[in-house]
C-alpha atoms as a PDB file:
ATOM      1  CA  MET A   1      -0.003   0.025  -0.004  1.00  0.00           C
ATOM      2  CA  LYS A   2       1.296   3.444  -0.972  1.00  0.00           C
ATOM      3  CA  ARG A   3       2.065   5.859   1.873  1.00  0.00           C
ATOM      4  CA  ARG A   4      -0.564   8.434   0.617  1.00  0.00           C
ATOM      5  CA  GLU A   5      -3.305   5.719   0.533  1.00  0.00           C
ATOM      6  CA  PHE A   6      -2.373   4.515   3.957  1.00  0.00           C
ATOM      7  CA  ILE A   7      -2.678   8.017   5.438  1.00  0.00           C
ATOM      8  CA  THR A   8      -6.068   8.540   3.808  1.00  0.00           C
ATOM      9  CA  LEU A   9      -7.344   5.258   5.140  1.00  0.00           C
ATOM     10  CA  LEU A  10      -6.081   5.972   8.601  1.00  0.00           C
ATOM     11  CA  GLY A  11      -7.782   9.454   8.628  1.00  0.00           C
ATOM     12  CA  GLY A  12     -11.044   7.952   7.516  1.00  0.00           C
ATOM     13  CA  ALA A  13     -10.904   5.340  10.313  1.00  0.00           C
ATOM     14  CA  ALA A  14     -10.281   8.054  12.909  1.00  0.00           C
ATOM     15  CA  ALA A  15     -13.353   9.856  11.772  1.00  0.00           C
ATOM     16  CA  TRP A  16     -15.650   6.823  12.132  1.00  0.00           C
ATOM     17  CA  PRO A  17     -16.265   7.191  15.918  1.00  0.00           C
ATOM     18  CA  LEU A  18     -17.111  10.905  15.382  1.00  0.00           C
ATOM     19  CA  ALA A  19     -19.587   9.989  12.600  1.00  0.00           C
ATOM     20  CA  ALA A  20     -21.190   7.284  14.719  1.00  0.00           C
ATOM     21  CA  ARG A  21     -21.601   9.649  17.676  1.00  0.00           C
ATOM     22  CA  ALA A  22     -23.186  12.310  15.409  1.00  0.00           C
ATOM     23  CA  GLN A  23     -25.732   9.748  14.241  1.00  0.00           C
ATOM     24  CA  GLN A  24     -26.838   8.634  17.740  1.00  0.00           C
ATOM     25  CA  PRO A  25     -30.295   9.888  18.582  1.00  0.00           C
ATOM     26  CA  ALA A  26     -30.850  12.578  21.199  1.00  0.00           C
ATOM     27  CA  MET A  27     -31.921  11.462  24.687  1.00  0.00           C
ATOM     28  CA  PRO A  28     -35.669  11.352  24.900  1.00  0.00           C
ATOM     29  CA  VAL A  29     -37.278  13.856  27.324  1.00  0.00           C
ATOM     30  CA  ILE A  30     -40.445  13.260  29.385  1.00  0.00           C
ATOM     31  CA  GLY A  31     -42.435  16.386  30.416  1.00  0.00           C
ATOM     32  CA  PHE A  32     -43.836  15.691  33.844  1.00  0.00           C
ATOM     33  CA  LEU A  33     -46.823  17.956  34.555  1.00  0.00           C
ATOM     34  CA  SER A  34     -48.564  18.166  37.982  1.00  0.00           C
ATOM     35  CA  SER A  35     -51.047  20.445  39.633  1.00  0.00           C
ATOM     36  CA  SER A  36     -49.460  19.484  42.994  1.00  0.00           C
ATOM     37  CA  GLY A  37     -47.085  21.559  45.065  1.00  0.00           C
ATOM     38  CA  SER A  38     -43.660  19.986  44.824  1.00  0.00           C
ATOM     39  CA  PRO A  39     -41.703  16.721  44.405  1.00  0.00           C
ATOM     40  CA  ALA A  40     -41.688  16.329  48.258  1.00  0.00           C
ATOM     41  CA  ASP A  41     -45.492  16.137  48.167  1.00  0.00           C
ATOM     42  CA  ARG A  42     -45.420  13.395  45.635  1.00  0.00           C
ATOM     43  CA  LEU A  43     -42.192  11.517  46.302  1.00  0.00           C
ATOM     44  CA  ARG A  44     -43.828   8.139  46.680  1.00  0.00           C
ATOM     45  CA  PHE A  45     -45.686   8.506  43.410  1.00  0.00           C
ATOM     46  CA  LEU A  46     -42.594   9.824  41.592  1.00  0.00           C
ATOM     47  CA  THR A  47     -40.647   6.799  42.780  1.00  0.00           C
ATOM     48  CA  ALA A  48     -43.389   4.480  41.480  1.00  0.00           C
ATOM     49  CA  PHE A  49     -43.385   6.327  38.166  1.00  0.00           C
ATOM     50  CA  ARG A  50     -39.597   5.941  37.820  1.00  0.00           C
ATOM     51  CA  GLN A  51     -39.919   2.229  38.642  1.00  0.00           C
ATOM     52  CA  GLY A  52     -42.439   2.001  35.864  1.00  0.00           C
ATOM     53  CA  ILE A  53     -40.281   3.449  33.124  1.00  0.00           C
ATOM     54  CA  ARG A  54     -37.484   1.165  34.259  1.00  0.00           C
ATOM     55  CA  GLU A  55     -39.525  -1.848  33.077  1.00  0.00           C
ATOM     56  CA  PRO A  56     -39.229  -0.910  29.420  1.00  0.00           C
ATOM     57  CA  GLY A  57     -35.545  -0.075  30.033  1.00  0.00           C
ATOM     58  CA  TYR A  58     -35.386   3.664  30.943  1.00  0.00           C
ATOM     59  CA  VAL A  59     -33.477   5.153  33.762  1.00  0.00           C
ATOM     60  CA  GLU A  60     -33.676   8.901  34.527  1.00  0.00           C
ATOM     61  CA  GLY A  61     -30.333  10.608  33.873  1.00  0.00           C
ATOM     62  CA  GLN A  62     -28.921   7.667  31.939  1.00  0.00           C
ATOM     63  CA  ASN A  63     -31.064   7.184  28.849  1.00  0.00           C
ATOM     64  CA  VAL A  64     -33.977   9.519  29.543  1.00  0.00           C
ATOM     65  CA  ALA A  65     -34.385  13.086  30.953  1.00  0.00           C
ATOM     66  CA  ILE A  66     -37.418  14.288  32.823  1.00  0.00           C
ATOM     67  CA  GLU A  67     -38.526  17.934  32.848  1.00  0.00           C
ATOM     68  CA  TYR A  68     -40.629  18.602  35.876  1.00  0.00           C
ATOM     69  CA  ARG A  69     -43.393  21.258  35.989  1.00  0.00           C
ATOM     70  CA  TRP A  70     -45.261  21.772  39.295  1.00  0.00           C
ATOM     71  CA  ALA A  71     -48.266  24.135  39.577  1.00  0.00           C
ATOM     72  CA  GLN A  72     -47.974  24.337  43.371  1.00  0.00           C
ATOM     73  CA  ASP A  73     -51.779  23.843  43.849  1.00  0.00           C
ATOM     74  CA  GLN A  74     -52.471  26.796  41.576  1.00  0.00           C
ATOM     75  CA  ALA A  75     -54.596  25.388  38.707  1.00  0.00           C
ATOM     76  CA  ASP A  76     -54.415  28.653  36.711  1.00  0.00           C
ATOM     77  CA  ARG A  77     -50.626  28.000  36.250  1.00  0.00           C
ATOM     78  CA  LEU A  78     -51.127  24.723  34.455  1.00  0.00           C
ATOM     79  CA  PRO A  79     -51.769  26.036  30.924  1.00  0.00           C
ATOM     80  CA  ASP A  80     -48.526  28.030  30.906  1.00  0.00           C
ATOM     81  CA  LEU A  81     -46.629  25.052  32.289  1.00  0.00           C
ATOM     82  CA  ALA A  82     -48.007  22.807  29.653  1.00  0.00           C
ATOM     83  CA  ALA A  83     -47.328  25.293  26.928  1.00  0.00           C
ATOM     84  CA  ASP A  84     -43.756  25.435  28.010  1.00  0.00           C
ATOM     85  CA  LEU A  85     -43.315  21.693  27.688  1.00  0.00           C
ATOM     86  CA  VAL A  86     -44.819  21.836  24.211  1.00  0.00           C
ATOM     87  CA  ARG A  87     -42.424  24.660  23.202  1.00  0.00           C
ATOM     88  CA  ARG A  88     -39.509  22.461  24.378  1.00  0.00           C
ATOM     89  CA  GLN A  89     -40.785  19.677  22.163  1.00  0.00           C
ATOM     90  CA  VAL A  90     -40.554  17.003  24.855  1.00  0.00           C
ATOM     91  CA  THR A  91     -40.862  13.406  23.598  1.00  0.00           C
ATOM     92  CA  ALA A  92     -43.899  12.634  25.787  1.00  0.00           C
ATOM     93  CA  ILE A  93     -45.922  14.230  28.561  1.00  0.00           C
ATOM     94  CA  ALA A  94     -46.764  12.428  31.730  1.00  0.00           C
ATOM     95  CA  ALA A  95     -49.783  14.162  33.268  1.00  0.00           C
ATOM     96  CA  HIS A  96     -49.734  13.442  37.053  1.00  0.00           C
ATOM     97  CA  ASP A  97     -53.420  14.074  37.907  1.00  0.00           C
ATOM     98  CA  THR A  98     -56.784  14.886  36.441  1.00  0.00           C
ATOM     99  CA  PRO A  99     -56.371  18.701  36.155  1.00  0.00           C
ATOM    100  CA  SER A 100     -52.913  18.394  34.474  1.00  0.00           C
ATOM    101  CA  SER A 101     -54.321  15.661  32.101  1.00  0.00           C
ATOM    102  CA  ILE A 102     -57.147  17.949  30.833  1.00  0.00           C
ATOM    103  CA  VAL A 103     -54.730  20.877  30.337  1.00  0.00           C
ATOM    104  CA  ALA A 104     -52.119  18.692  28.586  1.00  0.00           C
ATOM    105  CA  LYS A 105     -54.690  17.399  26.158  1.00  0.00           C
ATOM    106  CA  ALA A 106     -55.698  20.950  25.293  1.00  0.00           C
ATOM    107  CA  ALA A 107     -52.101  22.005  24.807  1.00  0.00           C
ATOM    108  CA  THR A 108     -51.106  19.473  22.080  1.00  0.00           C
ATOM    109  CA  THR A 109     -52.570  17.089  19.599  1.00  0.00           C
ATOM    110  CA  THR A 110     -49.224  15.679  18.567  1.00  0.00           C
ATOM    111  CA  ILE A 111     -46.992  15.012  21.584  1.00  0.00           C
ATOM    112  CA  PRO A 112     -48.003  11.644  23.220  1.00  0.00           C
ATOM    113  CA  ILE A 113     -49.645  12.100  26.615  1.00  0.00           C
ATOM    114  CA  VAL A 114     -49.873   9.465  29.416  1.00  0.00           C
ATOM    115  CA  PHE A 115     -52.257  10.482  32.132  1.00  0.00           C
ATOM    116  CA  ALA A 116     -52.893   9.167  35.663  1.00  0.00           C
ATOM    117  CA  SER A 117     -56.421  10.305  36.579  1.00  0.00           C
ATOM    118  CA  ASP A 118     -58.977   9.528  39.186  1.00  0.00           C
ATOM    119  CA  GLY A 119     -61.884  10.658  36.965  1.00  0.00           C
ATOM    120  CA  ASP A 120     -63.706   8.889  34.141  1.00  0.00           C
ATOM    121  CA  PRO A 121     -61.344   9.627  31.157  1.00  0.00           C
ATOM    122  CA  VAL A 122     -64.172   9.287  28.656  1.00  0.00           C
ATOM    123  CA  LYS A 123     -66.500  11.709  30.541  1.00  0.00           C
ATOM    124  CA  LEU A 124     -63.540  14.087  31.006  1.00  0.00           C
ATOM    125  CA  GLY A 125     -62.933  14.059  27.251  1.00  0.00           C
ATOM    126  CA  LEU A 126     -59.514  12.643  27.428  1.00  0.00           C
ATOM    127  CA  VAL A 127     -60.115   9.543  25.307  1.00  0.00           C
ATOM    128  CA  ALA A 128     -62.848   8.339  22.969  1.00  0.00           C
ATOM    129  CA  SER A 129     -63.142   5.055  24.866  1.00  0.00           C
ATOM    130  CA  LEU A 130     -61.265   2.889  27.254  1.00  0.00           C
ATOM    131  CA  ASN A 131     -60.463   0.149  24.832  1.00  0.00           C
ATOM    132  CA  ARG A 132     -59.538   2.406  21.906  1.00  0.00           C
ATOM    133  CA  ALA A 133     -58.142   5.604  23.268  1.00  0.00           C
ATOM    134  CA  GLY A 134     -57.535   7.197  19.810  1.00  0.00           C
ATOM    135  CA  GLY A 135     -55.474  10.316  19.295  1.00  0.00           C
ATOM    136  CA  ASN A 136     -52.384  11.128  21.214  1.00  0.00           C
ATOM    137  CA  VAL A 137     -53.657  10.416  24.706  1.00  0.00           C
ATOM    138  CA  THR A 138     -53.803   7.262  26.918  1.00  0.00           C
ATOM    139  CA  GLY A 139     -53.081   6.310  30.471  1.00  0.00           C
ATOM    140  CA  VAL A 140     -54.254   4.890  33.757  1.00  0.00           C
ATOM    141  CA  THR A 141     -57.523   5.608  35.546  1.00  0.00           C
ATOM    142  CA  PHE A 142     -57.939   4.780  39.201  1.00  0.00           C
ATOM    143  CA  VAL A 143     -61.157   4.812  41.255  1.00  0.00           C
ATOM    144  CA  THR A 144     -61.584   7.498  43.996  1.00  0.00           C
ATOM    145  CA  ALA A 145     -64.825   9.333  43.483  1.00  0.00           C
ATOM    146  CA  GLU A 146     -66.795   6.028  43.159  1.00  0.00           C
ATOM    147  CA  LEU A 147     -65.546   4.745  46.574  1.00  0.00           C
ATOM    148  CA  GLY A 148     -67.363   7.328  48.784  1.00  0.00           C
ATOM    149  CA  ALA A 149     -70.233   4.935  49.706  1.00  0.00           C
ATOM    150  CA  LYS A 150     -67.778   2.230  50.588  1.00  0.00           C
ATOM    151  CA  GLN A 151     -65.673   4.625  52.685  1.00  0.00           C
ATOM    152  CA  LEU A 152     -68.823   5.782  54.466  1.00  0.00           C
ATOM    153  CA  GLY A 153     -69.736   2.150  55.172  1.00  0.00           C
ATOM    154  CA  LEU A 154     -66.289   1.527  56.731  1.00  0.00           C
ATOM    155  CA  LEU A 155     -66.621   4.692  58.902  1.00  0.00           C
ATOM    156  CA  HIS A 156     -70.038   3.482  60.063  1.00  0.00           C
ATOM    157  CA  GLU A 157     -68.698  -0.016  60.877  1.00  0.00           C
ATOM    158  CA  LEU A 158     -65.790   1.356  62.971  1.00  0.00           C
ATOM    159  CA  GLN A 159     -67.774   4.358  64.453  1.00  0.00           C
ATOM    160  CA  PRO A 160     -71.346   3.107  64.608  1.00  0.00           C
ATOM    161  CA  GLY A 161     -72.349   5.899  67.052  1.00  0.00           C
ATOM    162  CA  ALA A 162     -71.495   8.612  64.509  1.00  0.00           C
ATOM    163  CA  VAL A 163     -74.728  10.311  63.376  1.00  0.00           C
ATOM    164  CA  ARG A 164     -73.575  13.611  61.820  1.00  0.00           C
ATOM    165  CA  ILE A 165     -70.792  13.126  59.322  1.00  0.00           C
ATOM    166  CA  GLY A 166     -68.836  15.801  57.573  1.00  0.00           C
ATOM    167  CA  VAL A 167     -67.649  15.350  53.990  1.00  0.00           C
ATOM    168  CA  LEU A 168     -64.575  17.509  53.208  1.00  0.00           C
ATOM    169  CA  VAL A 169     -64.323  18.235  49.530  1.00  0.00           C
ATOM    170  CA  ASP A 170     -62.567  20.518  47.062  1.00  0.00           C
ATOM    171  CA  PRO A 171     -65.424  22.018  44.983  1.00  0.00           C
ATOM    172  CA  ASN A 172     -62.962  22.792  42.144  1.00  0.00           C
ATOM    173  CA  PHE A 173     -62.126  19.139  41.599  1.00  0.00           C
ATOM    174  CA  ALA A 174     -64.067  17.752  38.658  1.00  0.00           C
ATOM    175  CA  PRO A 175     -65.310  14.420  40.202  1.00  0.00           C
ATOM    176  CA  THR A 176     -66.431  16.043  43.499  1.00  0.00           C
ATOM    177  CA  GLN A 177     -70.127  16.347  42.531  1.00  0.00           C
ATOM    178  CA  SER A 178     -70.371  12.698  41.665  1.00  0.00           C
ATOM    179  CA  PHE A 179     -68.540  11.770  44.856  1.00  0.00           C
ATOM    180  CA  VAL A 180     -70.919  13.787  46.988  1.00  0.00           C
ATOM    181  CA  SER A 181     -74.063  12.390  45.306  1.00  0.00           C
ATOM    182  CA  ASP A 182     -72.920   8.862  46.008  1.00  0.00           C
ATOM    183  CA  VAL A 183     -72.139   9.580  49.690  1.00  0.00           C
ATOM    184  CA  GLN A 184     -75.456  11.323  50.230  1.00  0.00           C
ATOM    185  CA  ALA A 185     -77.362   8.363  48.727  1.00  0.00           C
ATOM    186  CA  ALA A 186     -75.413   5.916  50.912  1.00  0.00           C
ATOM    187  CA  ALA A 187     -75.913   8.078  53.957  1.00  0.00           C
ATOM    188  CA  LEU A 188     -79.685   8.151  53.441  1.00  0.00           C
ATOM    189  CA  SER A 189     -79.797   4.350  53.350  1.00  0.00           C
ATOM    190  CA  ILE A 190     -78.181   3.981  56.767  1.00  0.00           C
ATOM    191  CA  GLY A 191     -79.793   6.964  58.450  1.00  0.00           C
ATOM    192  CA  LYS A 192     -76.729   9.279  58.533  1.00  0.00           C
ATOM    193  CA  GLN A 193     -76.765  13.128  58.337  1.00  0.00           C
ATOM    194  CA  ILE A 194     -74.295  14.478  55.871  1.00  0.00           C
ATOM    195  CA  ASP A 195     -72.744  17.974  55.966  1.00  0.00           C
ATOM    196  CA  VAL A 196     -70.733  18.958  52.886  1.00  0.00           C
ATOM    197  CA  LEU A 197     -67.674  21.025  53.939  1.00  0.00           C
ATOM    198  CA  GLU A 198     -66.125  22.849  50.956  1.00  0.00           C
ATOM    199  CA  ALA A 199     -62.422  23.788  50.994  1.00  0.00           C
ATOM    200  CA  PRO A 200     -61.089  25.065  47.618  1.00  0.00           C
ATOM    201  CA  THR A 201     -57.767  26.190  49.240  1.00  0.00           C
ATOM    202  CA  GLY A 202     -55.510  25.160  52.129  1.00  0.00           C
ATOM    203  CA  ARG A 203     -56.607  28.128  54.120  1.00  0.00           C
ATOM    204  CA  ASP A 204     -60.264  27.130  53.742  1.00  0.00           C
ATOM    205  CA  ILE A 205     -59.393  23.816  55.467  1.00  0.00           C
ATOM    206  CA  ASP A 206     -58.468  25.761  58.610  1.00  0.00           C
ATOM    207  CA  THR A 207     -61.666  27.719  58.356  1.00  0.00           C
ATOM    208  CA  VAL A 208     -63.764  24.564  58.019  1.00  0.00           C
ATOM    209  CA  PHE A 209     -62.298  22.996  61.139  1.00  0.00           C
ATOM    210  CA  ALA A 210     -62.548  26.283  63.051  1.00  0.00           C
ATOM    211  CA  ARG A 211     -66.358  26.234  62.398  1.00  0.00           C
ATOM    212  CA  LEU A 212     -66.615  22.724  63.905  1.00  0.00           C
ATOM    213  CA  ALA A 213     -66.423  24.343  67.415  1.00  0.00           C
ATOM    214  CA  GLN A 214     -69.922  25.874  66.757  1.00  0.00           C
ATOM    215  CA  LYS A 215     -71.267  22.994  64.701  1.00  0.00           C
ATOM    216  CA  PRO A 216     -69.468  19.812  65.613  1.00  0.00           C
ATOM    217  CA  ILE A 217     -69.501  16.586  63.679  1.00  0.00           C
ATOM    218  CA  ASP A 218     -69.127  12.972  64.808  1.00  0.00           C
ATOM    219  CA  ALA A 219     -66.863  11.742  61.985  1.00  0.00           C
ATOM    220  CA  LEU A 220     -65.210  13.068  58.855  1.00  0.00           C
ATOM    221  CA  LEU A 221     -64.930  11.554  55.278  1.00  0.00           C
ATOM    222  CA  VAL A 222     -62.204  13.274  53.218  1.00  0.00           C
ATOM    223  CA  GLY A 223     -62.944  13.477  49.541  1.00  0.00           C
ATOM    224  CA  PRO A 224     -60.577  12.877  46.586  1.00  0.00           C
ATOM    225  CA  GLY A 225     -58.464  15.406  44.742  1.00  0.00           C
ATOM    226  CA  PRO A 226     -54.840  16.736  44.610  1.00  0.00           C
ATOM    227  CA  LEU A 227     -55.424  19.620  46.962  1.00  0.00           C
ATOM    228  CA  LEU A 228     -56.790  17.512  49.853  1.00  0.00           C
ATOM    229  CA  ASP A 229     -54.139  14.829  49.087  1.00  0.00           C
ATOM    230  CA  ASN A 230     -51.345  17.340  49.493  1.00  0.00           C
ATOM    231  CA  ARG A 231     -52.918  18.740  52.728  1.00  0.00           C
ATOM    232  CA  ARG A 232     -53.235  15.307  54.430  1.00  0.00           C
ATOM    233  CA  VAL A 233     -50.846  16.269  57.348  1.00  0.00           C
ATOM    234  CA  GLN A 234     -52.789  19.484  57.893  1.00  0.00           C
ATOM    235  CA  ILE A 235     -56.079  17.574  57.917  1.00  0.00           C
ATOM    236  CA  VAL A 236     -54.742  14.838  60.194  1.00  0.00           C
ATOM    237  CA  THR A 237     -53.487  17.429  62.601  1.00  0.00           C
ATOM    238  CA  LEU A 238     -56.738  19.297  62.776  1.00  0.00           C
ATOM    239  CA  ALA A 239     -58.895  16.195  62.932  1.00  0.00           C
ATOM    240  CA  THR A 240     -56.774  14.901  65.890  1.00  0.00           C
ATOM    241  CA  TYR A 241     -57.001  18.279  67.651  1.00  0.00           C
ATOM    242  CA  HIS A 242     -60.796  18.319  67.222  1.00  0.00           C
ATOM    243  CA  ARG A 243     -60.979  14.623  68.107  1.00  0.00           C
ATOM    244  CA  VAL A 244     -62.824  13.760  64.833  1.00  0.00           C
ATOM    245  CA  PRO A 245     -62.305  10.227  63.493  1.00  0.00           C
ATOM    246  CA  ALA A 246     -61.670  10.481  59.753  1.00  0.00           C
ATOM    247  CA  ILE A 247     -61.258   8.291  56.648  1.00  0.00           C
ATOM    248  CA  ASP A 248     -59.367   9.249  53.488  1.00  0.00           C
ATOM    249  CA  PRO A 249     -58.826   7.724  50.074  1.00  0.00           C
ATOM    250  CA  LEU A 250     -54.989   7.519  50.444  1.00  0.00           C
ATOM    251  CA  ARG A 251     -52.925   5.204  52.672  1.00  0.00           C
ATOM    252  CA  ALA A 252     -50.596   8.120  53.352  1.00  0.00           C
ATOM    253  CA  PHE A 253     -53.344   9.731  55.413  1.00  0.00           C
ATOM    254  CA  ALA A 254     -53.338   6.761  57.794  1.00  0.00           C
ATOM    255  CA  GLU A 255     -49.560   6.603  57.796  1.00  0.00           C
ATOM    256  CA  ALA A 256     -49.553  10.290  58.802  1.00  0.00           C
ATOM    257  CA  GLY A 257     -51.709   9.428  61.861  1.00  0.00           C
ATOM    258  CA  GLY A 258     -55.271   9.595  60.537  1.00  0.00           C
ATOM    259  CA  LEU A 259     -57.711   6.906  61.755  1.00  0.00           C
ATOM    260  CA  MET A 260     -57.956   5.007  58.416  1.00  0.00           C
ATOM    261  CA  SER A 261     -57.883   5.026  54.665  1.00  0.00           C
ATOM    262  CA  TYR A 262     -59.483   3.020  51.889  1.00  0.00           C
ATOM    263  CA  GLY A 263     -58.833   3.453  48.219  1.00  0.00           C
ATOM    264  CA  THR A 264     -57.002   2.473  45.131  1.00  0.00           C
ATOM    265  CA  SER A 265     -53.264   1.817  45.339  1.00  0.00           C
ATOM    266  CA  ILE A 266     -52.176   5.109  43.706  1.00  0.00           C
ATOM    267  CA  THR A 267     -48.530   3.982  43.712  1.00  0.00           C
ATOM    268  CA  ASP A 268     -49.358   1.034  41.556  1.00  0.00           C
ATOM    269  CA  ALA A 269     -51.313   3.249  39.202  1.00  0.00           C
ATOM    270  CA  TYR A 270     -48.301   5.574  38.744  1.00  0.00           C
ATOM    271  CA  ARG A 271     -46.053   2.599  38.189  1.00  0.00           C
ATOM    272  CA  GLN A 272     -48.458   1.544  35.378  1.00  0.00           C
ATOM    273  CA  ALA A 273     -48.341   5.039  33.942  1.00  0.00           C
ATOM    274  CA  GLY A 274     -44.536   4.844  33.916  1.00  0.00           C
ATOM    275  CA  VAL A 275     -44.640   1.523  32.055  1.00  0.00           C
ATOM    276  CA  TYR A 276     -46.879   3.102  29.369  1.00  0.00           C
ATOM    277  CA  THR A 277     -44.647   6.120  29.073  1.00  0.00           C
ATOM    278  CA  GLY A 278     -41.595   3.924  28.555  1.00  0.00           C
ATOM    279  CA  ARG A 279     -43.432   1.857  25.864  1.00  0.00           C
ATOM    280  CA  ILE A 280     -44.343   5.050  24.034  1.00  0.00           C
ATOM    281  CA  LEU A 281     -40.659   6.222  24.148  1.00  0.00           C
ATOM    282  CA  LYS A 282     -39.811   2.873  22.505  1.00  0.00           C
ATOM    283  CA  GLY A 283     -42.192   3.663  19.618  1.00  0.00           C
ATOM    284  CA  GLU A 284     -45.616   2.462  20.526  1.00  0.00           C
ATOM    285  CA  LYS A 285     -48.496   4.860  19.853  1.00  0.00           C
ATOM    286  CA  PRO A 286     -51.019   6.120  22.431  1.00  0.00           C
ATOM    287  CA  ALA A 287     -53.903   5.338  20.085  1.00  0.00           C
ATOM    288  CA  ASP A 288     -52.939   1.645  20.280  1.00  0.00           C
ATOM    289  CA  LEU A 289     -52.673   1.420  24.054  1.00  0.00           C
ATOM    290  CA  PRO A 290     -56.029   0.936  25.830  1.00  0.00           C
ATOM    291  CA  VAL A 291     -56.622   2.853  29.026  1.00  0.00           C
ATOM    292  CA  MET A 292     -55.614   0.761  31.987  1.00  0.00           C
ATOM    293  CA  GLN A 293     -57.867   0.553  35.097  1.00  0.00           C
ATOM    294  CA  SER A 294     -56.109   0.173  38.415  1.00  0.00           C
ATOM    295  CA  ILE A 295     -57.964  -2.461  40.459  1.00  0.00           C
ATOM    296  CA  LYS A 296     -55.575  -2.789  43.446  1.00  0.00           C
ATOM    297  CA  PHE A 297     -57.200  -1.502  46.655  1.00  0.00           C
ATOM    298  CA  GLU A 298     -55.772  -0.839  50.144  1.00  0.00           C
ATOM    299  CA  PHE A 299     -57.397  -0.556  53.583  1.00  0.00           C
ATOM    300  CA  VAL A 300     -55.134   0.839  56.267  1.00  0.00           C
ATOM    301  CA  THR A 301     -55.812   1.987  59.843  1.00  0.00           C
ATOM    302  CA  THR A 302     -53.458   3.365  62.493  1.00  0.00           C
ATOM    303  CA  SER A 303     -55.059   1.358  65.282  1.00  0.00           C
ATOM    304  CA  THR A 304     -57.987  -0.794  66.134  1.00  0.00           C
ATOM    305  CA  PRO A 305     -60.851   1.372  67.415  1.00  0.00           C
ATOM    306  CA  PRO A 306     -62.454   0.420  70.698  1.00  0.00           C
ATOM    307  CA  GLY A 307     -64.781  -2.642  70.436  1.00  0.00           C
ATOM    308  CA  HIS A 308     -63.134  -3.938  67.268  1.00  0.00           C
ATOM    309  CA  SER A 309     -60.372  -6.458  66.682  1.00  0.00           C
ATOM    310  CA  ALA A 310     -57.970  -6.920  63.764  1.00  0.00           C
ATOM    311  CA  SER A 311     -60.092  -9.846  62.577  1.00  0.00           C
ATOM    312  CA  ALA A 312     -62.847  -7.379  61.797  1.00  0.00           C
ATOM    313  CA  PHE A 313     -60.876  -5.922  58.897  1.00  0.00           C
ATOM    314  CA  PRO A 314     -61.071  -7.204  55.348  1.00  0.00           C
ATOM    315  CA  GLN A 315     -58.876 -10.232  54.587  1.00  0.00           C
ATOM    316  CA  GLY A 316     -55.306  -9.179  53.876  1.00  0.00           C
ATOM    317  CA  CYS A 317     -55.653  -5.850  55.789  1.00  0.00           C
ATOM    318  CA  SER A 318     -54.355  -5.182  59.220  1.00  0.00           C
ATOM    319  CA  PRO A 319     -53.926  -2.152  61.487  1.00  0.00           C
ATOM    320  CA  LEU A 320     -50.645  -0.238  61.441  1.00  0.00           C
ATOM    321  CA  PRO A 321     -48.825   0.080  64.786  1.00  0.00           C
ATOM    322  CA  THR A 322     -50.498   2.764  66.978  1.00  0.00           C
ATOM    323  CA  ARG A 323     -48.558   5.978  66.769  1.00  0.00           C
END
């Protein structure tokens, strides 16, 4: 081989790694949108989501990036946050709750969206049907609003002497009306009096409990929604101070010291949403992925109320250690 030909060949070989690197695709980016306050409020759910995207082979910081947008319980900020993710041309949007799911769908018809919603996604207009989502949106739906009657029944079983029961709700949360209607119907059937206590902000929660001094209740049923979920410690503290036994949809409520919780395993739902997001990053289309329905439920209590034993709880459920 002539010297000139050898030098040319050597130079070409040296350029191969550079060319290969230039052809490598950019790291995909997930836009994570939430109406909640901060990652600290949702750490457990974030961990579950990250576990979910690991199943199809994605690890944050290694082969996928996540851009987080938190509305800090201010729903009016969501449209701007969603628009920012669209401008950044993220690969997919993971909508963390019902309000962010609705806003994300309104923001783009092209970027794939995976929602985790506790409302009916068909009634909310997120998808055409559960089996055939259609368009650029799919996700996981978990039951919360539909569990009000069951939660009232558990409260009645553990506190049979309770007559006047307060139902704490966020009136701005879309499924609230359906939740209240179910609870009122269930209360009528067992002779309970229901007082609907509306709290659209964290400050209103304080006001609601302050009024209980003039108009006390025997027990409290906490409704679904991101605002009340994020304020669980505040609600537990106030319920304890006013000596009001309470039930909530999330196990984190009982773990924070509330009497008990009954609801869907939200962590499992967010893991499922992570799996779907990873599958979309690998090339699957939202229109081909049916909406998943989370069917794993949890009943948790901090202690066994007087007159009850652990055997009174549903099979597979047991009280947490008394705090």
